[in-house]
Amino acid sequence: MPIFRETLDDVLNWHRSTGTPLHPVYIWAGGWLRRFSCRVCIFATNEDLRAIHENDPEAIGLVADLEKRINFSMRPNGQTLSQVLNLAA
């Protein structure tokens, strides 16, 4: 998998040189995320979660509601999305 040896600059330069557009969610394309995988990812930083909440509140709401219903957090440290985002419980 050669992409794993590439730096971020290498990847962005490849996109520029080939004219391949980035997905619009990436900050380098005018979006709000540096990493884009799942709609709400367990590996997202708190900063990314705040950006997702601002730009896709439905996604955060679905996961926050699920966490509340099953009494389990998707975050490795056990903090719920409601706690991370200071949402009303």
PDB file of N, CA and C in Angstrom:
ATOM      1  N   MET A   1       0.834  -1.172   0.000  1.00  0.00           N
ATOM      2  CA  MET A   1       0.000   0.000   0.000  1.00  0.00           C
ATOM      3  C   MET A   1       0.884   1.242   0.000  1.00  0.00           C
ATOM      4  N   PRO A   2       1.237   1.715  -1.157  1.00  0.00           N
ATOM      5  CA  PRO A   2       2.194   2.823  -1.233  1.00  0.00           C
ATOM      6  C   PRO A   2       1.706   4.126  -0.619  1.00  0.00           C
ATOM      7  N   ILE A   3       0.411   4.329  -0.521  1.00  0.00           N
ATOM      8  CA  ILE A   3      -0.079   5.597   0.037  1.00  0.00           C
ATOM      9  C   ILE A   3       0.361   5.790   1.486  1.00  0.00           C
ATOM     10  N   PHE A   4       0.611   4.688   2.199  1.00  0.00           N
ATOM     11  CA  PHE A   4       1.010   4.808   3.601  1.00  0.00           C
ATOM     12  C   PHE A   4       2.404   5.404   3.754  1.00  0.00           C
ATOM     13  N   ARG A   5       3.176   5.429   2.693  1.00  0.00           N
ATOM     14  CA  ARG A   5       4.510   6.039   2.741  1.00  0.00           C
ATOM     15  C   ARG A   5       4.465   7.519   2.367  1.00  0.00           C
ATOM     16  N   GLU A   6       3.324   7.992   1.906  1.00  0.00           N
ATOM     17  CA  GLU A   6       3.189   9.373   1.446  1.00  0.00           C
ATOM     18  C   GLU A   6       2.881  10.303   2.622  1.00  0.00           C
ATOM     19  N   THR A   7       3.429  11.500   2.542  1.00  0.00           N
ATOM     20  CA  THR A   7       3.098  12.514   3.540  1.00  0.00           C
ATOM     21  C   THR A   7       1.834  13.250   3.092  1.00  0.00           C
ATOM     22  N   LEU A   8       1.286  14.038   3.975  1.00  0.00           N
ATOM     23  CA  LEU A   8       0.125  14.842   3.611  1.00  0.00           C
ATOM     24  C   LEU A   8       0.464  15.764   2.441  1.00  0.00           C
ATOM     25  N   ASP A   9       1.637  16.396   2.497  1.00  0.00           N
ATOM     26  CA  ASP A   9       2.047  17.267   1.392  1.00  0.00           C
ATOM     27  C   ASP A   9       2.145  16.501   0.082  1.00  0.00           C
ATOM     28  N   ASP A  10       2.684  15.274   0.136  1.00  0.00           N
ATOM     29  CA  ASP A  10       2.763  14.448  -1.071  1.00  0.00           C
ATOM     30  C   ASP A  10       1.379  14.221  -1.671  1.00  0.00           C
ATOM     31  N   VAL A  11       0.437  13.889  -0.813  1.00  0.00           N
ATOM     32  CA  VAL A  11      -0.930  13.597  -1.278  1.00  0.00           C
ATOM     33  C   VAL A  11      -1.583  14.851  -1.849  1.00  0.00           C
ATOM     34  N   LEU A  12      -1.470  15.976  -1.128  1.00  0.00           N
ATOM     35  CA  LEU A  12      -2.067  17.214  -1.623  1.00  0.00           C
ATOM     36  C   LEU A  12      -1.413  17.663  -2.924  1.00  0.00           C
ATOM     37  N   ASN A  13      -0.092  17.512  -3.043  1.00  0.00           N
ATOM     38  CA  ASN A  13       0.606  17.844  -4.290  1.00  0.00           C
ATOM     39  C   ASN A  13       0.150  16.956  -5.434  1.00  0.00           C
ATOM     40  N   TRP A  14      -0.068  15.672  -5.153  1.00  0.00           N
ATOM     41  CA  TRP A  14      -0.570  14.770  -6.188  1.00  0.00           C
ATOM     42  C   TRP A  14      -1.939  15.237  -6.672  1.00  0.00           C
ATOM     43  N   HIS A  15      -2.808  15.604  -5.728  1.00  0.00           N
ATOM     44  CA  HIS A  15      -4.132  16.092  -6.115  1.00  0.00           C
ATOM     45  C   HIS A  15      -4.018  17.335  -6.999  1.00  0.00           C
ATOM     46  N   ARG A  16      -3.144  18.258  -6.607  1.00  0.00           N
ATOM     47  CA  ARG A  16      -2.964  19.481  -7.401  1.00  0.00           C
ATOM     48  C   ARG A  16      -2.407  19.160  -8.786  1.00  0.00           C
ATOM     49  N   SER A  17      -1.378  18.320  -8.830  1.00  0.00           N
ATOM     50  CA  SER A  17      -0.714  18.049 -10.115  1.00  0.00           C
ATOM     51  C   SER A  17      -1.577  17.239 -11.076  1.00  0.00           C
ATOM     52  N   THR A  18      -2.463  16.417 -10.559  1.00  0.00           N
ATOM     53  CA  THR A  18      -3.317  15.603 -11.428  1.00  0.00           C
ATOM     54  C   THR A  18      -4.677  16.238 -11.671  1.00  0.00           C
ATOM     55  N   GLY A  19      -4.967  17.306 -10.920  1.00  0.00           N
ATOM     56  CA  GLY A  19      -6.277  17.938 -11.065  1.00  0.00           C
ATOM     57  C   GLY A  19      -7.396  17.135 -10.438  1.00  0.00           C
ATOM     58  N   THR A  20      -7.047  16.194  -9.566  1.00  0.00           N
ATOM     59  CA  THR A  20      -8.048  15.369  -8.887  1.00  0.00           C
ATOM     60  C   THR A  20      -8.610  16.153  -7.704  1.00  0.00           C
ATOM     61  N   PRO A  21      -9.900  16.427  -7.715  1.00  0.00           N
ATOM     62  CA  PRO A  21     -10.461  17.238  -6.621  1.00  0.00           C
ATOM     63  C   PRO A  21     -10.513  16.465  -5.307  1.00  0.00           C
ATOM     64  N   LEU A  22     -10.335  17.197  -4.229  1.00  0.00           N
ATOM     65  CA  LEU A  22     -10.525  16.637  -2.897  1.00  0.00           C
ATOM     66  C   LEU A  22     -12.018  16.621  -2.585  1.00  0.00           C
ATOM     67  N   HIS A  23     -12.416  15.728  -1.714  1.00  0.00           N
ATOM     68  CA  HIS A  23     -13.798  15.750  -1.242  1.00  0.00           C
ATOM     69  C   HIS A  23     -14.019  17.088  -0.546  1.00  0.00           C
ATOM     70  N   PRO A  24     -15.166  17.725  -0.753  1.00  0.00           N
ATOM     71  CA  PRO A  24     -15.383  19.062  -0.193  1.00  0.00           C
ATOM     72  C   PRO A  24     -15.392  19.148   1.330  1.00  0.00           C
ATOM     73  N   VAL A  25     -15.444  18.026   2.035  1.00  0.00           N
ATOM     74  CA  VAL A  25     -15.440  18.085   3.497  1.00  0.00           C
ATOM     75  C   VAL A  25     -14.040  18.410   4.049  1.00  0.00           C
ATOM     76  N   TYR A  26     -12.980  18.162   3.262  1.00  0.00           N
ATOM     77  CA  TYR A  26     -11.621  18.425   3.739  1.00  0.00           C
ATOM     78  C   TYR A  26     -11.354  19.920   3.851  1.00  0.00           C
ATOM     79  N   ILE A  27     -10.652  20.325   4.911  1.00  0.00           N
ATOM     80  CA  ILE A  27     -10.369  21.741   5.111  1.00  0.00           C
ATOM     81  C   ILE A  27      -9.561  22.316   3.946  1.00  0.00           C
ATOM     82  N   TRP A  28      -8.747  21.507   3.293  1.00  0.00           N
ATOM     83  CA  TRP A  28      -7.938  21.987   2.173  1.00  0.00           C
ATOM     84  C   TRP A  28      -8.807  22.255   0.949  1.00  0.00           C
ATOM     85  N   ALA A  29     -10.049  21.789   0.981  1.00  0.00           N
ATOM     86  CA  ALA A  29     -10.990  22.032  -0.120  1.00  0.00           C
ATOM     87  C   ALA A  29     -12.084  22.999   0.318  1.00  0.00           C
ATOM     88  N   GLY A  30     -11.886  23.654   1.464  1.00  0.00           N
ATOM     89  CA  GLY A  30     -12.870  24.611   1.957  1.00  0.00           C
ATOM     90  C   GLY A  30     -13.823  24.040   2.991  1.00  0.00           C
ATOM     91  N   GLY A  31     -13.636  22.780   3.359  1.00  0.00           N
ATOM     92  CA  GLY A  31     -14.518  22.133   4.327  1.00  0.00           C
ATOM     93  C   GLY A  31     -14.070  22.326   5.753  1.00  0.00           C
ATOM     94  N   TRP A  32     -14.368  21.349   6.592  1.00  0.00           N
ATOM     95  CA  TRP A  32     -14.143  21.520   8.031  1.00  0.00           C
ATOM     96  C   TRP A  32     -13.379  20.388   8.691  1.00  0.00           C
ATOM     97  N   LEU A  33     -12.996  19.329   7.962  1.00  0.00           N
ATOM     98  CA  LEU A  33     -12.301  18.204   8.594  1.00  0.00           C
ATOM     99  C   LEU A  33     -10.929  17.956   7.980  1.00  0.00           C
ATOM    100  N   ARG A  34      -9.977  17.562   8.844  1.00  0.00           N
ATOM    101  CA  ARG A  34      -8.656  17.141   8.374  1.00  0.00           C
ATOM    102  C   ARG A  34      -8.645  15.662   8.055  1.00  0.00           C
ATOM    103  N   ARG A  35      -9.522  14.909   8.697  1.00  0.00           N
ATOM    104  CA  ARG A  35      -9.599  13.459   8.514  1.00  0.00           C
ATOM    105  C   ARG A  35     -11.063  13.130   8.252  1.00  0.00           C
ATOM    106  N   PHE A  36     -11.301  12.334   7.234  1.00  0.00           N
ATOM    107  CA  PHE A  36     -12.672  12.037   6.848  1.00  0.00           C
ATOM    108  C   PHE A  36     -12.801  10.531   6.668  1.00  0.00           C
ATOM    109  N   SER A  37     -13.544   9.914   7.554  1.00  0.00           N
ATOM    110  CA  SER A  37     -13.774   8.475   7.425  1.00  0.00           C
ATOM    111  C   SER A  37     -15.256   8.236   7.674  1.00  0.00           C
ATOM    112  N   CYS A  38     -15.598   7.753   8.828  1.00  0.00           N
ATOM    113  CA  CYS A  38     -17.001   7.571   9.176  1.00  0.00           C
ATOM    114  C   CYS A  38     -17.646   8.942   9.383  1.00  0.00           C
ATOM    115  N   ARG A  39     -18.946   8.983   9.301  1.00  0.00           N
ATOM    116  CA  ARG A  39     -19.659  10.249   9.489  1.00  0.00           C
ATOM    117  C   ARG A  39     -19.335  10.860  10.847  1.00  0.00           C
ATOM    118  N   VAL A  40     -19.300  10.049  11.877  1.00  0.00           N
ATOM    119  CA  VAL A  40     -18.796  10.430  13.199  1.00  0.00           C
ATOM    120  C   VAL A  40     -17.849   9.305  13.605  1.00  0.00           C
ATOM    121  N   CYS A  41     -16.578   9.614  13.669  1.00  0.00           N
ATOM    122  CA  CYS A  41     -15.538   8.591  13.861  1.00  0.00           C
ATOM    123  C   CYS A  41     -15.058   8.538  15.309  1.00  0.00           C
ATOM    124  N   ILE A  42     -14.808   7.336  15.810  1.00  0.00           N
ATOM    125  CA  ILE A  42     -14.285   7.201  17.174  1.00  0.00           C
ATOM    126  C   ILE A  42     -12.896   7.815  17.307  1.00  0.00           C
ATOM    127  N   PHE A  43     -12.203   8.003  16.201  1.00  0.00           N
ATOM    128  CA  PHE A  43     -10.858   8.573  16.232  1.00  0.00           C
ATOM    129  C   PHE A  43     -10.854  10.085  16.002  1.00  0.00           C
ATOM    130  N   ALA A  44     -12.024  10.689  15.823  1.00  0.00           N
ATOM    131  CA  ALA A  44     -12.102  12.135  15.616  1.00  0.00           C
ATOM    132  C   ALA A  44     -11.623  12.865  16.862  1.00  0.00           C
ATOM    133  N   THR A  45     -10.928  13.963  16.639  1.00  0.00           N
ATOM    134  CA  THR A  45     -10.511  14.797  17.771  1.00  0.00           C
ATOM    135  C   THR A  45     -11.727  15.574  18.279  1.00  0.00           C
ATOM    136  N   ASN A  46     -11.614  16.127  19.467  1.00  0.00           N
ATOM    137  CA  ASN A  46     -12.694  16.963  19.989  1.00  0.00           C
ATOM    138  C   ASN A  46     -12.953  18.140  19.051  1.00  0.00           C
ATOM    139  N   GLU A  47     -11.887  18.694  18.474  1.00  0.00           N
ATOM    140  CA  GLU A  47     -12.035  19.785  17.508  1.00  0.00           C
ATOM    141  C   GLU A  47     -12.832  19.319  16.285  1.00  0.00           C
ATOM    142  N   ASP A  48     -12.513  18.134  15.786  1.00  0.00           N
ATOM    143  CA  ASP A  48     -13.260  17.585  14.649  1.00  0.00           C
ATOM    144  C   ASP A  48     -14.721  17.353  15.016  1.00  0.00           C
ATOM    145  N   LEU A  49     -14.960  16.832  16.220  1.00  0.00           N
ATOM    146  CA  LEU A  49     -16.343  16.600  16.651  1.00  0.00           C
ATOM    147  C   LEU A  49     -17.126  17.904  16.726  1.00  0.00           C
ATOM    148  N   ARG A  50     -16.484  18.973  17.187  1.00  0.00           N
ATOM    149  CA  ARG A  50     -17.162  20.271  17.215  1.00  0.00           C
ATOM    150  C   ARG A  50     -17.482  20.744  15.794  1.00  0.00           C
ATOM    151  N   ALA A  51     -16.545  20.518  14.858  1.00  0.00           N
ATOM    152  CA  ALA A  51     -16.780  20.905  13.463  1.00  0.00           C
ATOM    153  C   ALA A  51     -17.903  20.075  12.850  1.00  0.00           C
ATOM    154  N   ILE A  52     -17.936  18.788  13.163  1.00  0.00           N
ATOM    155  CA  ILE A  52     -19.020  17.936  12.658  1.00  0.00           C
ATOM    156  C   ILE A  52     -20.345  18.404  13.238  1.00  0.00           C
ATOM    157  N   HIS A  53     -20.346  18.711  14.533  1.00  0.00           N
ATOM    158  CA  HIS A  53     -21.581  19.174  15.180  1.00  0.00           C
ATOM    159  C   HIS A  53     -22.084  20.457  14.521  1.00  0.00           C
ATOM    160  N   GLU A  54     -21.178  21.343  14.192  1.00  0.00           N
ATOM    161  CA  GLU A  54     -21.563  22.605  13.557  1.00  0.00           C
ATOM    162  C   GLU A  54     -22.079  22.385  12.131  1.00  0.00           C
ATOM    163  N   ASN A  55     -21.464  21.462  11.404  1.00  0.00           N
ATOM    164  CA  ASN A  55     -21.779  21.270   9.993  1.00  0.00           C
ATOM    165  C   ASN A  55     -22.720  20.106   9.703  1.00  0.00           C
ATOM    166  N   ASP A  56     -22.844  19.185  10.633  1.00  0.00           N
ATOM    167  CA  ASP A  56     -23.708  18.015  10.439  1.00  0.00           C
ATOM    168  C   ASP A  56     -24.317  17.621  11.785  1.00  0.00           C
ATOM    169  N   PRO A  57     -25.126  18.513  12.379  1.00  0.00           N
ATOM    170  CA  PRO A  57     -25.662  18.237  13.718  1.00  0.00           C
ATOM    171  C   PRO A  57     -26.504  16.975  13.780  1.00  0.00           C
ATOM    172  N   GLU A  58     -27.124  16.599  12.668  1.00  0.00           N
ATOM    173  CA  GLU A  58     -27.926  15.376  12.669  1.00  0.00           C
ATOM    174  C   GLU A  58     -27.054  14.157  12.989  1.00  0.00           C
ATOM    175  N   ALA A  59     -25.854  14.105  12.413  1.00  0.00           N
ATOM    176  CA  ALA A  59     -24.962  12.972  12.659  1.00  0.00           C
ATOM    177  C   ALA A  59     -24.589  12.872  14.124  1.00  0.00           C
ATOM    178  N   ILE A  60     -24.226  14.008  14.712  1.00  0.00           N
ATOM    179  CA  ILE A  60     -23.864  14.022  16.131  1.00  0.00           C
ATOM    180  C   ILE A  60     -25.068  13.628  16.974  1.00  0.00           C
ATOM    181  N   GLY A  61     -26.221  14.151  16.643  1.00  0.00           N
ATOM    182  CA  GLY A  61     -27.437  13.841  17.399  1.00  0.00           C
ATOM    183  C   GLY A  61     -27.761  12.357  17.389  1.00  0.00           C
ATOM    184  N   LEU A  62     -27.604  11.719  16.237  1.00  0.00           N
ATOM    185  CA  LEU A  62     -27.886  10.281  16.149  1.00  0.00           C
ATOM    186  C   LEU A  62     -26.973   9.477  17.068  1.00  0.00           C
ATOM    187  N   VAL A  63     -25.681   9.804  17.049  1.00  0.00           N
ATOM    188  CA  VAL A  63     -24.730   9.054  17.878  1.00  0.00           C
ATOM    189  C   VAL A  63     -24.908   9.402  19.352  1.00  0.00           C
ATOM    190  N   ALA A  64     -25.121  10.676  19.660  1.00  0.00           N
ATOM    191  CA  ALA A  64     -25.323  11.080  21.060  1.00  0.00           C
ATOM    192  C   ALA A  64     -26.566  10.403  21.638  1.00  0.00           C
ATOM    193  N   ASP A  65     -27.634  10.334  20.846  1.00  0.00           N
ATOM    194  CA  ASP A  65     -28.849   9.648  21.306  1.00  0.00           C
ATOM    195  C   ASP A  65     -28.600   8.156  21.519  1.00  0.00           C
ATOM    196  N   LEU A  66     -27.848   7.557  20.622  1.00  0.00           N
ATOM    197  CA  LEU A  66     -27.517   6.131  20.770  1.00  0.00           C
ATOM    198  C   LEU A  66     -26.699   5.901  22.033  1.00  0.00           C
ATOM    199  N   GLU A  67     -25.701   6.738  22.265  1.00  0.00           N
ATOM    200  CA  GLU A  67     -24.891   6.610  23.482  1.00  0.00           C
ATOM    201  C   GLU A  67     -25.771   6.667  24.725  1.00  0.00           C
ATOM    202  N   LYS A  68     -26.706   7.598  24.729  1.00  0.00           N
ATOM    203  CA  LYS A  68     -27.601   7.745  25.883  1.00  0.00           C
ATOM    204  C   LYS A  68     -28.476   6.494  26.049  1.00  0.00           C
ATOM    205  N   ARG A  69     -29.009   5.997  24.931  1.00  0.00           N
ATOM    206  CA  ARG A  69     -29.904   4.839  24.978  1.00  0.00           C
ATOM    207  C   ARG A  69     -29.199   3.576  25.472  1.00  0.00           C
ATOM    208  N   ILE A  70     -27.954   3.361  25.020  1.00  0.00           N
ATOM    209  CA  ILE A  70     -27.251   2.127  25.402  1.00  0.00           C
ATOM    210  C   ILE A  70     -26.315   2.322  26.592  1.00  0.00           C
ATOM    211  N   ASN A  71     -26.232   3.566  27.099  1.00  0.00           N
ATOM    212  CA  ASN A  71     -25.377   3.877  28.241  1.00  0.00           C
ATOM    213  C   ASN A  71     -23.927   3.458  27.993  1.00  0.00           C
ATOM    214  N   PHE A  72     -23.426   3.843  26.820  1.00  0.00           N
ATOM    215  CA  PHE A  72     -22.057   3.509  26.433  1.00  0.00           C
ATOM    216  C   PHE A  72     -21.551   4.577  25.487  1.00  0.00           C
ATOM    217  N   SER A  73     -20.296   4.970  25.638  1.00  0.00           N
ATOM    218  CA  SER A  73     -19.709   6.005  24.796  1.00  0.00           C
ATOM    219  C   SER A  73     -18.889   5.405  23.667  1.00  0.00           C
ATOM    220  N   MET A  74     -18.918   6.040  22.520  1.00  0.00           N
ATOM    221  CA  MET A  74     -18.080   5.625  21.401  1.00  0.00           C
ATOM    222  C   MET A  74     -16.633   6.077  21.590  1.00  0.00           C
ATOM    223  N   ARG A  75     -16.386   7.001  22.503  1.00  0.00           N
ATOM    224  CA  ARG A  75     -15.046   7.550  22.701  1.00  0.00           C
ATOM    225  C   ARG A  75     -14.201   6.608  23.558  1.00  0.00           C
ATOM    226  N   PRO A  76     -12.943   6.397  23.177  1.00  0.00           N
ATOM    227  CA  PRO A  76     -12.074   5.502  23.950  1.00  0.00           C
ATOM    228  C   PRO A  76     -11.911   5.905  25.414  1.00  0.00           C
ATOM    229  N   ASN A  77     -12.011   7.203  25.713  1.00  0.00           N
ATOM    230  CA  ASN A  77     -11.842   7.652  27.104  1.00  0.00           C
ATOM    231  C   ASN A  77     -13.143   7.611  27.902  1.00  0.00           C
ATOM    232  N   GLY A  78     -14.241   7.172  27.277  1.00  0.00           N
ATOM    233  CA  GLY A  78     -15.508   7.052  27.974  1.00  0.00           C
ATOM    234  C   GLY A  78     -16.340   8.319  28.009  1.00  0.00           C
ATOM    235  N   GLN A  79     -15.784   9.423  27.543  1.00  0.00           N
ATOM    236  CA  GLN A  79     -16.536  10.675  27.529  1.00  0.00           C
ATOM    237  C   GLN A  79     -17.577  10.604  26.407  1.00  0.00           C
ATOM    238  N   THR A  80     -18.803  10.987  26.705  1.00  0.00           N
ATOM    239  CA  THR A  80     -19.857  10.948  25.700  1.00  0.00           C
ATOM    240  C   THR A  80     -19.754  12.152  24.778  1.00  0.00           C
ATOM    241  N   LEU A  81     -20.391  12.056  23.629  1.00  0.00           N
ATOM    242  CA  LEU A  81     -20.407  13.209  22.720  1.00  0.00           C
ATOM    243  C   LEU A  81     -21.094  14.389  23.379  1.00  0.00           C
ATOM    244  N   SER A  82     -22.131  14.137  24.148  1.00  0.00           N
ATOM    245  CA  SER A  82     -22.804  15.226  24.850  1.00  0.00           C
ATOM    246  C   SER A  82     -21.852  15.941  25.797  1.00  0.00           C
ATOM    247  N   GLN A  83     -20.984  15.175  26.465  1.00  0.00           N
ATOM    248  CA  GLN A  83     -20.008  15.789  27.354  1.00  0.00           C
ATOM    249  C   GLN A  83     -18.937  16.551  26.561  1.00  0.00           C
ATOM    250  N   VAL A  84     -18.445  15.972  25.499  1.00  0.00           N
ATOM    251  CA  VAL A  84     -17.419  16.625  24.678  1.00  0.00           C
ATOM    252  C   VAL A  84     -17.941  17.948  24.141  1.00  0.00           C
ATOM    253  N   LEU A  85     -19.193  17.941  23.703  1.00  0.00           N
ATOM    254  CA  LEU A  85     -19.762  19.102  23.034  1.00  0.00           C
ATOM    255  C   LEU A  85     -20.584  19.998  23.967  1.00  0.00           C
ATOM    256  N   ASN A  86     -20.621  19.634  25.260  1.00  0.00           N
ATOM    257  CA  ASN A  86     -21.410  20.378  26.241  1.00  0.00           C
ATOM    258  C   ASN A  86     -22.859  20.526  25.802  1.00  0.00           C
ATOM    259  N   LEU A  87     -23.417  19.419  25.313  1.00  0.00           N
ATOM    260  CA  LEU A  87     -24.810  19.413  24.908  1.00  0.00           C
ATOM    261  C   LEU A  87     -25.682  19.159  26.126  1.00  0.00           C
ATOM    262  N   ALA A  88     -26.879  19.655  26.089  1.00  0.00           N
ATOM    263  CA  ALA A  88     -27.815  19.399  27.180  1.00  0.00           C
ATOM    264  C   ALA A  88     -28.078  17.899  27.269  1.00  0.00           C
ATOM    265  N   ALA A  89     -28.047  17.378  28.472  1.00  0.00           N
ATOM    266  CA  ALA A  89     -28.224  15.927  28.655  1.00  0.00           C
ATOM    267  C   ALA A  89     -29.662  15.511  28.480  1.00  0.00           C
TER     268      ALA A  89
END
